[in-house]
Amino acid sequence: MVVRIFTNLSLHGTTPLRAQPEVGEWGPSSVQPTRRKRLTRWLWIAAFVVVVAVLFLFGHYAYTMIMTSGS
């Protein structure tokens, strides 16, 4: 058995069609596909990493400017 870090992105699992709301010919009509959920998850992680990097670089720049202004 493979242990996964994240939960299963499929909202239906093994439930029968009669128990799934608004199932069309190709699946649910108002639920994002698994691929889009996975992409959204990675985009949020990438955005968080970029924001942390920008804050770190700004802090380093400000620290450098403060320390070099005294000499």
C-alpha atoms as a PDB file:
ATOM      1  CA  MET A   1       0.000   0.000   0.000  1.00  0.00           C
ATOM      2  CA  VAL A   2       1.343   3.406  -0.992  1.00  0.00           C
ATOM      3  CA  VAL A   3       0.938   6.146   1.605  1.00  0.00           C
ATOM      4  CA  ARG A   4      -0.024   9.418  -0.058  1.00  0.00           C
ATOM      5  CA  ILE A   5       0.733  12.823   1.384  1.00  0.00           C
ATOM      6  CA  PHE A   6      -2.494  14.431   0.183  1.00  0.00           C
ATOM      7  CA  THR A   7      -6.048  13.175   0.236  1.00  0.00           C
ATOM      8  CA  ASN A   8      -7.757  11.651  -2.759  1.00  0.00           C
ATOM      9  CA  LEU A   9      -8.929  14.480  -5.032  1.00  0.00           C
ATOM     10  CA  SER A  10     -11.769  12.439  -6.466  1.00  0.00           C
ATOM     11  CA  LEU A  11     -15.032  13.505  -4.856  1.00  0.00           C
ATOM     12  CA  HIS A  12     -16.886  10.351  -5.862  1.00  0.00           C
ATOM     13  CA  GLY A  13     -14.667   7.413  -5.075  1.00  0.00           C
ATOM     14  CA  THR A  14     -16.729   4.248  -5.343  1.00  0.00           C
ATOM     15  CA  THR A  15     -20.163   5.800  -4.769  1.00  0.00           C
ATOM     16  CA  PRO A  16     -22.851   4.770  -7.249  1.00  0.00           C
ATOM     17  CA  LEU A  17     -24.133   7.255  -9.845  1.00  0.00           C
ATOM     18  CA  ARG A  18     -27.504   7.617  -8.122  1.00  0.00           C
ATOM     19  CA  ALA A  19     -25.741   8.965  -5.015  1.00  0.00           C
ATOM     20  CA  GLN A  20     -23.739  11.598  -6.933  1.00  0.00           C
ATOM     21  CA  PRO A  21     -25.438  14.976  -7.436  1.00  0.00           C
ATOM     22  CA  GLU A  22     -25.941  16.290 -10.981  1.00  0.00           C
ATOM     23  CA  VAL A  23     -23.898  13.739 -12.852  1.00  0.00           C
ATOM     24  CA  GLY A  24     -23.869  14.439 -16.563  1.00  0.00           C
ATOM     25  CA  GLU A  25     -22.620  12.290 -19.414  1.00  0.00           C
ATOM     26  CA  TRP A  26     -18.947  13.004 -18.645  1.00  0.00           C
ATOM     27  CA  GLY A  27     -19.179  13.519 -14.887  1.00  0.00           C
ATOM     28  CA  PRO A  28     -20.354  16.157 -12.431  1.00  0.00           C
ATOM     29  CA  SER A  29     -21.350  19.464 -13.984  1.00  0.00           C
ATOM     30  CA  SER A  30     -20.089  21.974 -11.393  1.00  0.00           C
ATOM     31  CA  VAL A  31     -17.087  20.237  -9.801  1.00  0.00           C
ATOM     32  CA  GLN A  32     -13.541  21.032 -10.893  1.00  0.00           C
ATOM     33  CA  PRO A  33     -11.655  18.153 -12.477  1.00  0.00           C
ATOM     34  CA  THR A  34      -8.882  16.477 -10.525  1.00  0.00           C
ATOM     35  CA  ARG A  35      -6.252  17.868 -12.892  1.00  0.00           C
ATOM     36  CA  ARG A  36      -7.356  21.453 -12.198  1.00  0.00           C
ATOM     37  CA  LYS A  37      -7.381  20.841  -8.427  1.00  0.00           C
ATOM     38  CA  ARG A  38      -3.846  19.473  -8.621  1.00  0.00           C
ATOM     39  CA  LEU A  39      -2.713  22.437 -10.736  1.00  0.00           C
ATOM     40  CA  THR A  40      -4.338  24.903  -8.332  1.00  0.00           C
ATOM     41  CA  ARG A  41      -2.618  23.255  -5.384  1.00  0.00           C
ATOM     42  CA  TRP A  42       0.826  23.572  -7.025  1.00  0.00           C
ATOM     43  CA  LEU A  43       0.148  27.153  -8.130  1.00  0.00           C
ATOM     44  CA  TRP A  44      -0.637  28.137  -4.522  1.00  0.00           C
ATOM     45  CA  ILE A  45       2.537  26.434  -3.311  1.00  0.00           C
ATOM     46  CA  ALA A  46       4.591  28.201  -6.011  1.00  0.00           C
ATOM     47  CA  ALA A  47       2.987  31.559  -5.161  1.00  0.00           C
ATOM     48  CA  PHE A  48       3.803  31.046  -1.473  1.00  0.00           C
ATOM     49  CA  VAL A  49       7.437  30.234  -2.284  1.00  0.00           C
ATOM     50  CA  VAL A  50       7.724  33.331  -4.509  1.00  0.00           C
ATOM     51  CA  VAL A  51       6.223  35.589  -1.816  1.00  0.00           C
ATOM     52  CA  VAL A  52       8.598  34.206   0.838  1.00  0.00           C
ATOM     53  CA  ALA A  53      11.571  34.687  -1.507  1.00  0.00           C
ATOM     54  CA  VAL A  54      10.564  38.284  -2.297  1.00  0.00           C
ATOM     55  CA  LEU A  55      10.145  39.088   1.391  1.00  0.00           C
ATOM     56  CA  PHE A  56      13.534  37.548   2.172  1.00  0.00           C
ATOM     57  CA  LEU A  57      15.247  39.490  -0.629  1.00  0.00           C
ATOM     58  CA  PHE A  58      13.580  42.741   0.441  1.00  0.00           C
ATOM     59  CA  GLY A  59      14.666  42.157   4.035  1.00  0.00           C
ATOM     60  CA  HIS A  60      18.231  41.432   2.913  1.00  0.00           C
ATOM     61  CA  TYR A  61      18.240  44.578   0.757  1.00  0.00           C
ATOM     62  CA  ALA A  62      16.891  46.730   3.611  1.00  0.00           C
ATOM     63  CA  TYR A  63      19.400  45.253   6.061  1.00  0.00           C
ATOM     64  CA  THR A  64      22.248  45.928   3.631  1.00  0.00           C
ATOM     65  CA  MET A  65      21.112  49.510   3.093  1.00  0.00           C
ATOM     66  CA  ILE A  66      20.845  50.159   6.846  1.00  0.00           C
ATOM     67  CA  MET A  67      24.259  48.646   7.620  1.00  0.00           C
ATOM     68  CA  THR A  68      26.117  50.433   4.812  1.00  0.00           C
ATOM     69  CA  SER A  69      24.547  53.844   5.473  1.00  0.00           C
ATOM     70  CA  GLY A  70      26.449  54.264   8.771  1.00  0.00           C
ATOM     71  CA  SER A  71      29.938  53.927   7.313  1.00  0.00           C
END
